[in-house]
Amino acid sequence: MPRTRCSELQPECNAMQPDCNQLQLDAMPPSAIPGRAQPFPGPPLTRPSLPQNAAFATSAKTILAHSAPPSPFPFPALPRYNPLPMPELGVNIDHVATLRQARRTYEPDPIWAAVEAELGGADAITVHLREDRRHINDRDVAALRQSVQCRLNLEMSTIEEIVAIALKTRPDQATLVPERREEITTEGGLDLSRETPRLAEVVKRLSEAGVAVSAFIDPDDKQVELAAQIGCHAVELHTGEYANARGEQAAGQLERLVRVSAAVKKYAMRLHAGHGLNYRNVRPVAQIADMRELNIGHAIITRAVFVGIQEAVREMKRAMTNEKSEL
């Protein structure tokens, strides 16, 4: 394959890339780049004046009329529910930073990983800025906001320090997650019945800054209802119990996910899922009706040790649609 020095296209870039097609993106207007998240120019954007979730039983013609103005969020204009042939893939690159922090050095850089994931076909880059900064740090979030060409999804707690960073950085999406310092990884969904007014305030502030908000919750109808009440645009169903189950138990957990997904559609929110998904168990979740996004990290990064990040992402996207899948 012919190789072109990037500096021939952009003087500030001296990297070597095949054909340099990716590096020409920055010279193009955002509207000309397929799949690129649109920027938020001007003052902070606010949610359009639209019917409340409970009013979505109106006719499709009425809903489409309300959807005419451009949405400030990186999701399609309302109705926010819009089935796709396959879900988008958000690649979580936290564990690249975990490897860096193991030696308290500067490499591998998560920004490199994000580029590789995008070249492999990632639809979003996901990172979790934890309170203890055990892997992703403030510099990473700021640099990713400047470099990511697809959507940037920031997983975050609701403490004021992290909320302030999110408001300053303005990722395309913020996913509210629970957090405990002693846990190795997130151990369950966020309980929206606790501190509901506080959660509603955080969702409102993020929304007014032009950030779409998702809540990472256990697959429970009540939690879905609360997510709609506090104004979330999406919910990410915790798939940990499904991922850890086998045989009939796995089938039961999958049925639970399917059942709760109907409630998400009822409230016209985007349906996301994630946690513990890998190349063997992802397809049944990807095939759930109206599933819009899967966020997967550990399985992709561990596979990347052997095949590289680009190929690991491509393999995951194939696994999401492959006819053969094992639980």
C-alpha atoms as a PDB file:
ATOM      1  CA  MET A   1       0.000   0.000   0.000  1.00  0.00           C
ATOM      2  CA  PRO A   2       1.426   3.410  -0.929  1.00  0.00           C
ATOM      3  CA  ARG A   3       2.363   5.566   2.052  1.00  0.00           C
ATOM      4  CA  THR A   4       2.232   9.333   2.100  1.00  0.00           C
ATOM      5  CA  ARG A   5       3.892  11.559   4.667  1.00  0.00           C
ATOM      6  CA  CYS A   6       1.147  13.407   6.537  1.00  0.00           C
ATOM      7  CA  SER A   7       3.134  16.648   6.458  1.00  0.00           C
ATOM      8  CA  GLU A   8       2.415  16.822   2.729  1.00  0.00           C
ATOM      9  CA  LEU A   9      -1.224  17.318   3.697  1.00  0.00           C
ATOM     10  CA  GLN A  10      -0.865  19.021   7.064  1.00  0.00           C
ATOM     11  CA  PRO A  11       2.480  20.683   7.869  1.00  0.00           C
ATOM     12  CA  GLU A  12       2.100  20.125  11.612  1.00  0.00           C
ATOM     13  CA  CYS A  13       1.794  16.342  11.252  1.00  0.00           C
ATOM     14  CA  ASN A  14       4.860  14.181  10.708  1.00  0.00           C
ATOM     15  CA  ALA A  15       3.280  10.753  11.284  1.00  0.00           C
ATOM     16  CA  MET A  16       3.183   8.080   8.593  1.00  0.00           C
ATOM     17  CA  GLN A  17      -0.252   6.732   7.674  1.00  0.00           C
ATOM     18  CA  PRO A  18      -1.500   4.696   4.680  1.00  0.00           C
ATOM     19  CA  ASP A  19      -2.886   7.200   2.168  1.00  0.00           C
ATOM     20  CA  CYS A  20      -3.441   9.752   4.991  1.00  0.00           C
ATOM     21  CA  ASN A  21      -7.183   9.698   4.282  1.00  0.00           C
ATOM     22  CA  GLN A  22      -8.079   9.929   7.961  1.00  0.00           C
ATOM     23  CA  LEU A  23      -5.871  12.960   8.475  1.00  0.00           C
ATOM     24  CA  GLN A  24      -7.648  14.916   5.748  1.00  0.00           C
ATOM     25  CA  LEU A  25     -10.823  14.935   7.840  1.00  0.00           C
ATOM     26  CA  ASP A  26      -9.824  18.010   9.822  1.00  0.00           C
ATOM     27  CA  ALA A  27      -9.603  20.000   6.589  1.00  0.00           C
ATOM     28  CA  MET A  28     -13.220  19.162   5.758  1.00  0.00           C
ATOM     29  CA  PRO A  29     -16.334  20.842   7.191  1.00  0.00           C
ATOM     30  CA  PRO A  30     -17.983  18.629   9.842  1.00  0.00           C
ATOM     31  CA  SER A  31     -21.132  18.263   7.734  1.00  0.00           C
ATOM     32  CA  ALA A  32     -19.062  16.611   4.985  1.00  0.00           C
ATOM     33  CA  ILE A  33     -17.642  13.898   7.259  1.00  0.00           C
ATOM     34  CA  PRO A  34     -19.963  10.870   7.505  1.00  0.00           C
ATOM     35  CA  GLY A  35     -20.645   9.895  11.116  1.00  0.00           C
ATOM     36  CA  ARG A  36     -18.650  12.724  12.661  1.00  0.00           C
ATOM     37  CA  ALA A  37     -20.314  14.256  15.697  1.00  0.00           C
ATOM     38  CA  GLN A  38     -21.357  17.819  14.985  1.00  0.00           C
ATOM     39  CA  PRO A  39     -19.771  20.590  17.090  1.00  0.00           C
ATOM     40  CA  PHE A  40     -21.766  22.881  19.337  1.00  0.00           C
ATOM     41  CA  PRO A  41     -20.887  26.408  18.120  1.00  0.00           C
ATOM     42  CA  GLY A  42     -22.074  29.495  19.924  1.00  0.00           C
ATOM     43  CA  PRO A  43     -23.706  29.697  23.368  1.00  0.00           C
ATOM     44  CA  PRO A  44     -24.735  26.571  25.308  1.00  0.00           C
ATOM     45  CA  LEU A  45     -27.659  24.838  23.668  1.00  0.00           C
ATOM     46  CA  THR A  46     -30.862  24.002  25.455  1.00  0.00           C
ATOM     47  CA  ARG A  47     -33.405  21.269  24.879  1.00  0.00           C
ATOM     48  CA  PRO A  48     -36.055  22.273  22.306  1.00  0.00           C
ATOM     49  CA  SER A  49     -39.573  22.813  23.541  1.00  0.00           C
ATOM     50  CA  LEU A  50     -41.009  19.366  22.950  1.00  0.00           C
ATOM     51  CA  PRO A  51     -43.698  17.165  24.487  1.00  0.00           C
ATOM     52  CA  GLN A  52     -42.855  15.460  27.750  1.00  0.00           C
ATOM     53  CA  ASN A  53     -42.127  11.731  27.672  1.00  0.00           C
ATOM     54  CA  ALA A  54     -45.640  10.862  28.754  1.00  0.00           C
ATOM     55  CA  ALA A  55     -47.037  12.572  25.675  1.00  0.00           C
ATOM     56  CA  PHE A  56     -45.365  10.323  23.131  1.00  0.00           C
ATOM     57  CA  ALA A  57     -48.612   8.507  22.425  1.00  0.00           C
ATOM     58  CA  THR A  58     -49.431  11.169  19.839  1.00  0.00           C
ATOM     59  CA  SER A  59     -49.469  10.450  16.135  1.00  0.00           C
ATOM     60  CA  ALA A  60     -46.234   9.996  14.212  1.00  0.00           C
ATOM     61  CA  LYS A  61     -47.104  13.043  12.110  1.00  0.00           C
ATOM     62  CA  THR A  62     -47.335  15.235  15.227  1.00  0.00           C
ATOM     63  CA  ILE A  63     -44.039  13.928  16.596  1.00  0.00           C
ATOM     64  CA  LEU A  64     -42.257  14.526  13.311  1.00  0.00           C
ATOM     65  CA  ALA A  65     -43.575  18.075  13.250  1.00  0.00           C
ATOM     66  CA  HIS A  66     -41.980  18.693  16.636  1.00  0.00           C
ATOM     67  CA  SER A  67     -38.772  17.065  15.383  1.00  0.00           C
ATOM     68  CA  ALA A  68     -38.234  19.475  12.510  1.00  0.00           C
ATOM     69  CA  PRO A  69     -35.741  21.830  14.266  1.00  0.00           C
ATOM     70  CA  PRO A  70     -32.170  20.492  14.499  1.00  0.00           C
ATOM     71  CA  SER A  71     -31.548  18.664  17.765  1.00  0.00           C
ATOM     72  CA  PRO A  72     -28.723  19.996  19.983  1.00  0.00           C
ATOM     73  CA  PHE A  73     -27.845  16.427  20.912  1.00  0.00           C
ATOM     74  CA  PRO A  74     -25.729  13.987  18.876  1.00  0.00           C
ATOM     75  CA  PHE A  75     -28.737  11.674  18.659  1.00  0.00           C
ATOM     76  CA  PRO A  76     -31.475  11.899  16.013  1.00  0.00           C
ATOM     77  CA  ALA A  77     -34.151  14.505  16.633  1.00  0.00           C
ATOM     78  CA  LEU A  78     -37.220  13.314  18.496  1.00  0.00           C
ATOM     79  CA  PRO A  79     -38.650  10.770  18.458  1.00  0.00           C
ATOM     80  CA  ARG A  80     -35.407   9.624  20.037  1.00  0.00           C
ATOM     81  CA  TYR A  81     -36.399   6.010  19.390  1.00  0.00           C
ATOM     82  CA  ASN A  82     -35.315   5.066  15.870  1.00  0.00           C
ATOM     83  CA  PRO A  83     -34.519   1.391  15.149  1.00  0.00           C
ATOM     84  CA  LEU A  84     -31.203   0.647  13.426  1.00  0.00           C
ATOM     85  CA  PRO A  85     -30.092  -2.499  11.584  1.00  0.00           C
ATOM     86  CA  MET A  86     -27.372  -2.989  14.210  1.00  0.00           C
ATOM     87  CA  PRO A  87     -26.292  -1.112  17.337  1.00  0.00           C
ATOM     88  CA  GLU A  88     -23.425   1.320  17.354  1.00  0.00           C
ATOM     89  CA  LEU A  89     -20.271   0.266  19.180  1.00  0.00           C
ATOM     90  CA  GLY A  90     -18.754   2.436  21.875  1.00  0.00           C
ATOM     91  CA  VAL A  91     -15.196   1.316  22.656  1.00  0.00           C
ATOM     92  CA  ASN A  92     -14.119   1.865  26.255  1.00  0.00           C
ATOM     93  CA  ILE A  93     -10.378   2.592  26.380  1.00  0.00           C
ATOM     94  CA  ASP A  94     -10.015   2.838  30.179  1.00  0.00           C
ATOM     95  CA  HIS A  95      -7.759  -0.214  30.377  1.00  0.00           C
ATOM     96  CA  VAL A  96      -5.205   1.321  28.059  1.00  0.00           C
ATOM     97  CA  ALA A  97      -4.824   3.967  30.754  1.00  0.00           C
ATOM     98  CA  THR A  98      -4.781   1.212  33.392  1.00  0.00           C
ATOM     99  CA  LEU A  99      -1.711  -0.247  31.691  1.00  0.00           C
ATOM    100  CA  ARG A 100      -0.076   3.177  31.631  1.00  0.00           C
ATOM    101  CA  GLN A 101      -0.755   3.741  35.321  1.00  0.00           C
ATOM    102  CA  ALA A 102       0.688   0.334  36.230  1.00  0.00           C
ATOM    103  CA  ARG A 103       4.115   1.852  35.609  1.00  0.00           C
ATOM    104  CA  ARG A 104       3.104   5.460  36.365  1.00  0.00           C
ATOM    105  CA  THR A 105       4.520   6.514  33.039  1.00  0.00           C
ATOM    106  CA  TYR A 106       3.229   8.270  29.914  1.00  0.00           C
ATOM    107  CA  GLU A 107       2.567   5.297  27.650  1.00  0.00           C
ATOM    108  CA  PRO A 108       0.509   3.761  26.243  1.00  0.00           C
ATOM    109  CA  ASP A 109      -1.408   6.960  25.594  1.00  0.00           C
ATOM    110  CA  PRO A 110      -5.222   6.532  25.506  1.00  0.00           C
ATOM    111  CA  ILE A 111      -5.374   9.113  22.725  1.00  0.00           C
ATOM    112  CA  TRP A 112      -3.443   6.704  20.468  1.00  0.00           C
ATOM    113  CA  ALA A 113      -5.911   3.977  21.412  1.00  0.00           C
ATOM    114  CA  ALA A 114      -8.874   6.188  20.494  1.00  0.00           C
ATOM    115  CA  VAL A 115      -7.422   6.831  17.038  1.00  0.00           C
ATOM    116  CA  GLU A 116      -6.856   3.120  16.475  1.00  0.00           C
ATOM    117  CA  ALA A 117     -10.388   2.296  17.675  1.00  0.00           C
ATOM    118  CA  GLU A 118     -11.901   4.841  15.308  1.00  0.00           C
ATOM    119  CA  LEU A 119      -9.891   3.463  12.387  1.00  0.00           C
ATOM    120  CA  GLY A 120     -11.259   0.038  13.315  1.00  0.00           C
ATOM    121  CA  GLY A 121     -14.818   1.320  13.069  1.00  0.00           C
ATOM    122  CA  ALA A 122     -15.746   2.504  16.583  1.00  0.00           C
ATOM    123  CA  ASP A 123     -18.874   4.652  16.602  1.00  0.00           C
ATOM    124  CA  ALA A 124     -18.010   6.209  19.970  1.00  0.00           C
ATOM    125  CA  ILE A 125     -15.096   6.398  22.381  1.00  0.00           C
ATOM    126  CA  THR A 126     -16.006   5.799  26.020  1.00  0.00           C
ATOM    127  CA  VAL A 127     -13.918   6.733  29.062  1.00  0.00           C
ATOM    128  CA  HIS A 128     -14.671   6.793  32.785  1.00  0.00           C
ATOM    129  CA  LEU A 129     -13.169   9.706  34.712  1.00  0.00           C
ATOM    130  CA  ARG A 130     -13.172   8.287  38.224  1.00  0.00           C
ATOM    131  CA  GLU A 131     -12.858  10.384  41.349  1.00  0.00           C
ATOM    132  CA  ASP A 132      -9.561   8.679  42.240  1.00  0.00           C
ATOM    133  CA  ARG A 133      -8.204   9.005  38.647  1.00  0.00           C
ATOM    134  CA  ARG A 134      -7.069   5.374  38.759  1.00  0.00           C
ATOM    135  CA  HIS A 135      -6.791   5.227  34.962  1.00  0.00           C
ATOM    136  CA  ILE A 136      -8.259   8.049  32.844  1.00  0.00           C
ATOM    137  CA  ASN A 137      -7.228  11.519  34.054  1.00  0.00           C
ATOM    138  CA  ASP A 138      -8.239  15.107  33.378  1.00  0.00           C
ATOM    139  CA  ARG A 139      -5.620  15.564  30.648  1.00  0.00           C
ATOM    140  CA  ASP A 140      -6.937  12.501  28.806  1.00  0.00           C
ATOM    141  CA  VAL A 141     -10.497  13.826  28.767  1.00  0.00           C
ATOM    142  CA  ALA A 142      -9.429  17.243  27.483  1.00  0.00           C
ATOM    143  CA  ALA A 143      -7.215  15.738  24.770  1.00  0.00           C
ATOM    144  CA  LEU A 144      -9.871  13.266  23.686  1.00  0.00           C
ATOM    145  CA  ARG A 145     -12.424  16.046  23.355  1.00  0.00           C
ATOM    146  CA  GLN A 146     -10.062  17.751  20.905  1.00  0.00           C
ATOM    147  CA  SER A 147      -9.107  14.639  18.936  1.00  0.00           C
ATOM    148  CA  VAL A 148     -12.016  12.204  18.828  1.00  0.00           C
ATOM    149  CA  GLN A 149     -13.795  12.359  15.487  1.00  0.00           C
ATOM    150  CA  CYS A 150     -16.770  10.158  16.398  1.00  0.00           C
ATOM    151  CA  ARG A 151     -18.798  10.620  19.587  1.00  0.00           C
ATOM    152  CA  LEU A 152     -17.114  10.999  22.978  1.00  0.00           C
ATOM    153  CA  ASN A 153     -18.978   9.338  25.834  1.00  0.00           C
ATOM    154  CA  LEU A 154     -17.866  10.332  29.339  1.00  0.00           C
ATOM    155  CA  GLU A 155     -18.837   7.958  32.127  1.00  0.00           C
ATOM    156  CA  MET A 156     -19.027   9.923  35.344  1.00  0.00           C
ATOM    157  CA  SER A 157     -20.291  10.132  38.895  1.00  0.00           C
ATOM    158  CA  THR A 158     -22.393  13.079  39.994  1.00  0.00           C
ATOM    159  CA  ILE A 159     -19.989  14.712  42.452  1.00  0.00           C
ATOM    160  CA  GLU A 160     -19.584  18.413  41.720  1.00  0.00           C
ATOM    161  CA  GLU A 161     -15.915  18.203  40.725  1.00  0.00           C
ATOM    162  CA  ILE A 162     -16.651  15.709  37.936  1.00  0.00           C
ATOM    163  CA  VAL A 163     -19.809  17.506  36.835  1.00  0.00           C
ATOM    164  CA  ALA A 164     -17.821  20.732  36.477  1.00  0.00           C
ATOM    165  CA  ILE A 165     -15.270  18.954  34.269  1.00  0.00           C
ATOM    166  CA  ALA A 166     -18.049  17.548  32.105  1.00  0.00           C
ATOM    167  CA  LEU A 167     -19.643  20.984  31.720  1.00  0.00           C
ATOM    168  CA  LYS A 168     -16.295  22.460  30.725  1.00  0.00           C
ATOM    169  CA  THR A 169     -15.341  19.646  28.351  1.00  0.00           C
ATOM    170  CA  ARG A 170     -18.821  19.097  26.904  1.00  0.00           C
ATOM    171  CA  PRO A 171     -18.555  15.515  25.662  1.00  0.00           C
ATOM    172  CA  ASP A 172     -21.168  14.399  23.172  1.00  0.00           C
ATOM    173  CA  GLN A 173     -22.658  12.111  25.798  1.00  0.00           C
ATOM    174  CA  ALA A 174     -22.387  11.758  29.564  1.00  0.00           C
ATOM    175  CA  THR A 175     -23.302   8.445  31.167  1.00  0.00           C
ATOM    176  CA  LEU A 176     -24.072   8.672  34.866  1.00  0.00           C
ATOM    177  CA  VAL A 177     -22.660   5.692  36.759  1.00  0.00           C
ATOM    178  CA  PRO A 178     -22.310   4.628  40.405  1.00  0.00           C
ATOM    179  CA  GLU A 179     -18.850   4.676  41.879  1.00  0.00           C
ATOM    180  CA  ARG A 180     -17.108   3.198  44.914  1.00  0.00           C
ATOM    181  CA  ARG A 181     -13.388   3.615  45.474  1.00  0.00           C
ATOM    182  CA  GLU A 182     -12.916   0.039  46.703  1.00  0.00           C
ATOM    183  CA  GLU A 183     -14.460  -1.608  43.620  1.00  0.00           C
ATOM    184  CA  ILE A 184     -12.300  -2.989  40.815  1.00  0.00           C
ATOM    185  CA  THR A 185     -14.914  -2.164  38.199  1.00  0.00           C
ATOM    186  CA  THR A 186     -18.467  -0.839  38.254  1.00  0.00           C
ATOM    187  CA  GLU A 187     -20.457  -3.459  40.161  1.00  0.00           C
ATOM    188  CA  GLY A 188     -24.031  -2.549  39.314  1.00  0.00           C
ATOM    189  CA  GLY A 189     -26.364   0.082  38.002  1.00  0.00           C
ATOM    190  CA  LEU A 190     -26.970   3.522  39.429  1.00  0.00           C
ATOM    191  CA  ASP A 191     -29.938   3.574  41.831  1.00  0.00           C
ATOM    192  CA  LEU A 192     -31.967   6.524  40.571  1.00  0.00           C
ATOM    193  CA  SER A 193     -34.328   6.340  43.546  1.00  0.00           C
ATOM    194  CA  ARG A 194     -31.555   7.749  45.752  1.00  0.00           C
ATOM    195  CA  GLU A 195     -30.977  11.503  45.557  1.00  0.00           C
ATOM    196  CA  THR A 196     -33.430  11.813  42.668  1.00  0.00           C
ATOM    197  CA  PRO A 197     -33.648  15.642  42.871  1.00  0.00           C
ATOM    198  CA  ARG A 198     -29.831  15.887  42.756  1.00  0.00           C
ATOM    199  CA  LEU A 199     -29.690  13.577  39.726  1.00  0.00           C
ATOM    200  CA  ALA A 200     -32.392  15.586  37.963  1.00  0.00           C
ATOM    201  CA  GLU A 201     -30.384  18.771  38.566  1.00  0.00           C
ATOM    202  CA  VAL A 202     -27.229  17.218  37.076  1.00  0.00           C
ATOM    203  CA  VAL A 203     -29.144  15.968  34.024  1.00  0.00           C
ATOM    204  CA  LYS A 204     -30.646  19.427  33.518  1.00  0.00           C
ATOM    205  CA  ARG A 205     -27.265  21.187  33.723  1.00  0.00           C
ATOM    206  CA  LEU A 206     -25.632  18.776  31.298  1.00  0.00           C
ATOM    207  CA  SER A 207     -28.550  18.979  28.883  1.00  0.00           C
ATOM    208  CA  GLU A 208     -28.477  22.767  28.892  1.00  0.00           C
ATOM    209  CA  ALA A 209     -24.768  22.566  27.979  1.00  0.00           C
ATOM    210  CA  GLY A 210     -25.618  20.477  24.923  1.00  0.00           C
ATOM    211  CA  VAL A 211     -24.579  17.127  26.425  1.00  0.00           C
ATOM    212  CA  ALA A 212     -26.841  14.129  25.891  1.00  0.00           C
ATOM    213  CA  VAL A 213     -27.309  12.198  29.138  1.00  0.00           C
ATOM    214  CA  SER A 214     -27.570   8.460  29.680  1.00  0.00           C
ATOM    215  CA  ALA A 215     -27.975   6.598  32.972  1.00  0.00           C
ATOM    216  CA  PHE A 216     -26.265   3.260  33.618  1.00  0.00           C
ATOM    217  CA  ILE A 217     -28.943   1.253  35.419  1.00  0.00           C
ATOM    218  CA  ASP A 218     -29.866  -2.308  36.311  1.00  0.00           C
ATOM    219  CA  PRO A 219     -32.513  -3.781  33.977  1.00  0.00           C
ATOM    220  CA  ASP A 220     -35.496  -2.775  36.096  1.00  0.00           C
ATOM    221  CA  ASP A 221     -38.746  -1.141  34.965  1.00  0.00           C
ATOM    222  CA  LYS A 222     -38.817   1.274  37.910  1.00  0.00           C
ATOM    223  CA  GLN A 223     -35.297   2.487  37.188  1.00  0.00           C
ATOM    224  CA  VAL A 224     -36.264   3.094  33.544  1.00  0.00           C
ATOM    225  CA  GLU A 225     -39.269   5.125  34.672  1.00  0.00           C
ATOM    226  CA  LEU A 226     -37.092   7.218  36.992  1.00  0.00           C
ATOM    227  CA  ALA A 227     -34.570   7.809  34.189  1.00  0.00           C
ATOM    228  CA  ALA A 228     -37.350   9.233  32.053  1.00  0.00           C
ATOM    229  CA  GLN A 229     -38.618  11.372  34.930  1.00  0.00           C
ATOM    230  CA  ILE A 230     -35.239  13.019  35.546  1.00  0.00           C
ATOM    231  CA  GLY A 231     -34.867  13.812  31.852  1.00  0.00           C
ATOM    232  CA  CYS A 232     -32.358  11.241  30.541  1.00  0.00           C
ATOM    233  CA  HIS A 233     -32.103  10.863  26.793  1.00  0.00           C
ATOM    234  CA  ALA A 234     -30.911   7.254  27.041  1.00  0.00           C
ATOM    235  CA  VAL A 235     -30.405   4.422  29.488  1.00  0.00           C
ATOM    236  CA  GLU A 236     -27.594   1.876  29.436  1.00  0.00           C
ATOM    237  CA  LEU A 237     -28.742  -1.451  30.812  1.00  0.00           C
ATOM    238  CA  HIS A 238     -26.204  -3.208  33.026  1.00  0.00           C
ATOM    239  CA  THR A 239     -25.477  -6.576  31.390  1.00  0.00           C
ATOM    240  CA  GLY A 240     -23.156  -7.936  34.086  1.00  0.00           C
ATOM    241  CA  GLU A 241     -25.543 -10.584  35.400  1.00  0.00           C
ATOM    242  CA  TYR A 242     -26.240 -11.781  31.869  1.00  0.00           C
ATOM    243  CA  ALA A 243     -22.518 -11.913  31.084  1.00  0.00           C
ATOM    244  CA  ASN A 244     -21.746 -13.941  34.214  1.00  0.00           C
ATOM    245  CA  ALA A 245     -24.592 -16.439  33.730  1.00  0.00           C
ATOM    246  CA  ARG A 246     -24.550 -19.665  31.728  1.00  0.00           C
ATOM    247  CA  GLY A 247     -27.164 -21.891  30.088  1.00  0.00           C
ATOM    248  CA  GLU A 248     -30.737 -21.399  31.271  1.00  0.00           C
ATOM    249  CA  GLN A 249     -29.677 -18.672  33.675  1.00  0.00           C
ATOM    250  CA  ALA A 250     -28.170 -16.708  30.802  1.00  0.00           C
ATOM    251  CA  ALA A 251     -31.375 -17.174  28.818  1.00  0.00           C
ATOM    252  CA  GLY A 252     -33.345 -15.858  31.791  1.00  0.00           C
ATOM    253  CA  GLN A 253     -31.130 -12.800  32.132  1.00  0.00           C
ATOM    254  CA  LEU A 254     -31.433 -12.145  28.390  1.00  0.00           C
ATOM    255  CA  GLU A 255     -35.219 -12.304  28.657  1.00  0.00           C
ATOM    256  CA  ARG A 256     -35.009  -9.784  31.489  1.00  0.00           C
ATOM    257  CA  LEU A 257     -33.078  -7.413  29.230  1.00  0.00           C
ATOM    258  CA  VAL A 258     -35.609  -7.895  26.437  1.00  0.00           C
ATOM    259  CA  ARG A 259     -38.532  -7.197  28.765  1.00  0.00           C
ATOM    260  CA  VAL A 260     -37.035  -4.009  30.203  1.00  0.00           C
ATOM    261  CA  SER A 261     -36.082  -2.753  26.744  1.00  0.00           C
ATOM    262  CA  ALA A 262     -39.797  -2.441  26.003  1.00  0.00           C
ATOM    263  CA  ALA A 263     -40.098   0.036  28.876  1.00  0.00           C
ATOM    264  CA  VAL A 264     -37.237   2.082  27.430  1.00  0.00           C
ATOM    265  CA  LYS A 265     -39.077   2.298  24.123  1.00  0.00           C
ATOM    266  CA  LYS A 266     -42.249   3.300  25.967  1.00  0.00           C
ATOM    267  CA  TYR A 267     -40.518   6.393  27.320  1.00  0.00           C
ATOM    268  CA  ALA A 268     -38.881   7.181  23.942  1.00  0.00           C
ATOM    269  CA  MET A 269     -35.342   6.965  25.267  1.00  0.00           C
ATOM    270  CA  ARG A 270     -32.356   5.458  23.459  1.00  0.00           C
ATOM    271  CA  LEU A 271     -31.566   1.892  24.479  1.00  0.00           C
ATOM    272  CA  HIS A 272     -27.928   1.165  25.319  1.00  0.00           C
ATOM    273  CA  ALA A 273     -26.301  -1.782  27.080  1.00  0.00           C
ATOM    274  CA  GLY A 274     -22.917  -2.733  28.435  1.00  0.00           C
ATOM    275  CA  HIS A 275     -20.708  -4.427  31.044  1.00  0.00           C
ATOM    276  CA  GLY A 276     -19.092  -7.826  30.700  1.00  0.00           C
ATOM    277  CA  LEU A 277     -19.960  -8.236  27.031  1.00  0.00           C
ATOM    278  CA  ASN A 278     -17.411 -10.135  24.947  1.00  0.00           C
ATOM    279  CA  TYR A 279     -17.022 -11.837  21.574  1.00  0.00           C
ATOM    280  CA  ARG A 280     -18.977 -14.916  22.684  1.00  0.00           C
ATOM    281  CA  ASN A 281     -22.001 -13.359  24.374  1.00  0.00           C
ATOM    282  CA  VAL A 282     -22.514 -10.047  22.574  1.00  0.00           C
ATOM    283  CA  ARG A 283     -24.709 -11.102  19.665  1.00  0.00           C
ATOM    284  CA  PRO A 284     -27.944 -11.920  21.581  1.00  0.00           C
ATOM    285  CA  VAL A 285     -27.811  -8.492  23.263  1.00  0.00           C
ATOM    286  CA  ALA A 286     -27.014  -6.762  19.972  1.00  0.00           C
ATOM    287  CA  GLN A 287     -30.110  -8.379  18.459  1.00  0.00           C
ATOM    288  CA  ILE A 288     -32.524  -7.041  21.068  1.00  0.00           C
ATOM    289  CA  ALA A 289     -35.120  -4.964  19.249  1.00  0.00           C
ATOM    290  CA  ASP A 290     -34.339  -1.229  19.243  1.00  0.00           C
ATOM    291  CA  MET A 291     -30.857  -1.629  20.766  1.00  0.00           C
ATOM    292  CA  ARG A 292     -28.949   1.485  19.739  1.00  0.00           C
ATOM    293  CA  GLU A 293     -25.525   1.268  21.378  1.00  0.00           C
ATOM    294  CA  LEU A 294     -23.266  -1.238  23.112  1.00  0.00           C
ATOM    295  CA  ASN A 295     -20.321  -0.060  25.206  1.00  0.00           C
ATOM    296  CA  ILE A 296     -17.534  -2.626  25.442  1.00  0.00           C
ATOM    297  CA  GLY A 297     -14.011  -2.200  26.767  1.00  0.00           C
ATOM    298  CA  HIS A 298     -12.217  -5.022  28.562  1.00  0.00           C
ATOM    299  CA  ALA A 299     -12.863  -7.706  25.937  1.00  0.00           C
ATOM    300  CA  ILE A 300     -11.685  -5.467  23.104  1.00  0.00           C
ATOM    301  CA  ILE A 301      -8.532  -4.271  24.848  1.00  0.00           C
ATOM    302  CA  THR A 302      -7.534  -7.785  25.925  1.00  0.00           C
ATOM    303  CA  ARG A 303      -8.042  -9.053  22.373  1.00  0.00           C
ATOM    304  CA  ALA A 304      -6.011  -6.106  21.098  1.00  0.00           C
ATOM    305  CA  VAL A 305      -2.951  -7.437  22.931  1.00  0.00           C
ATOM    306  CA  PHE A 306      -2.826 -10.179  20.276  1.00  0.00           C
ATOM    307  CA  VAL A 307      -4.314  -8.605  17.136  1.00  0.00           C
ATOM    308  CA  GLY A 308      -4.120  -4.837  17.649  1.00  0.00           C
ATOM    309  CA  ILE A 309      -6.907  -2.410  18.490  1.00  0.00           C
ATOM    310  CA  GLN A 310      -8.120  -1.845  14.942  1.00  0.00           C
ATOM    311  CA  GLU A 311      -8.636  -5.540  14.277  1.00  0.00           C
ATOM    312  CA  ALA A 312     -10.098  -6.152  17.755  1.00  0.00           C
ATOM    313  CA  VAL A 313     -12.755  -3.514  17.087  1.00  0.00           C
ATOM    314  CA  ARG A 314     -13.505  -4.964  13.643  1.00  0.00           C
ATOM    315  CA  GLU A 315     -13.847  -8.445  15.154  1.00  0.00           C
ATOM    316  CA  MET A 316     -16.284  -7.147  17.773  1.00  0.00           C
ATOM    317  CA  LYS A 317     -18.442  -5.481  15.143  1.00  0.00           C
ATOM    318  CA  ARG A 318     -18.501  -8.762  13.221  1.00  0.00           C
ATOM    319  CA  ALA A 319     -19.386 -10.654  16.404  1.00  0.00           C
ATOM    320  CA  MET A 320     -22.373  -8.360  16.894  1.00  0.00           C
ATOM    321  CA  THR A 321     -23.859  -9.620  13.615  1.00  0.00           C
ATOM    322  CA  ASN A 322     -22.302 -13.096  13.236  1.00  0.00           C
ATOM    323  CA  GLU A 323     -24.838 -15.906  12.834  1.00  0.00           C
ATOM    324  CA  LYS A 324     -22.986 -18.133  15.288  1.00  0.00           C
ATOM    325  CA  SER A 325     -22.673 -17.045  18.913  1.00  0.00           C
ATOM    326  CA  GLU A 326     -22.111 -19.009  22.121  1.00  0.00           C
ATOM    327  CA  LEU A 327     -23.257 -18.098  25.615  1.00  0.00           C
END
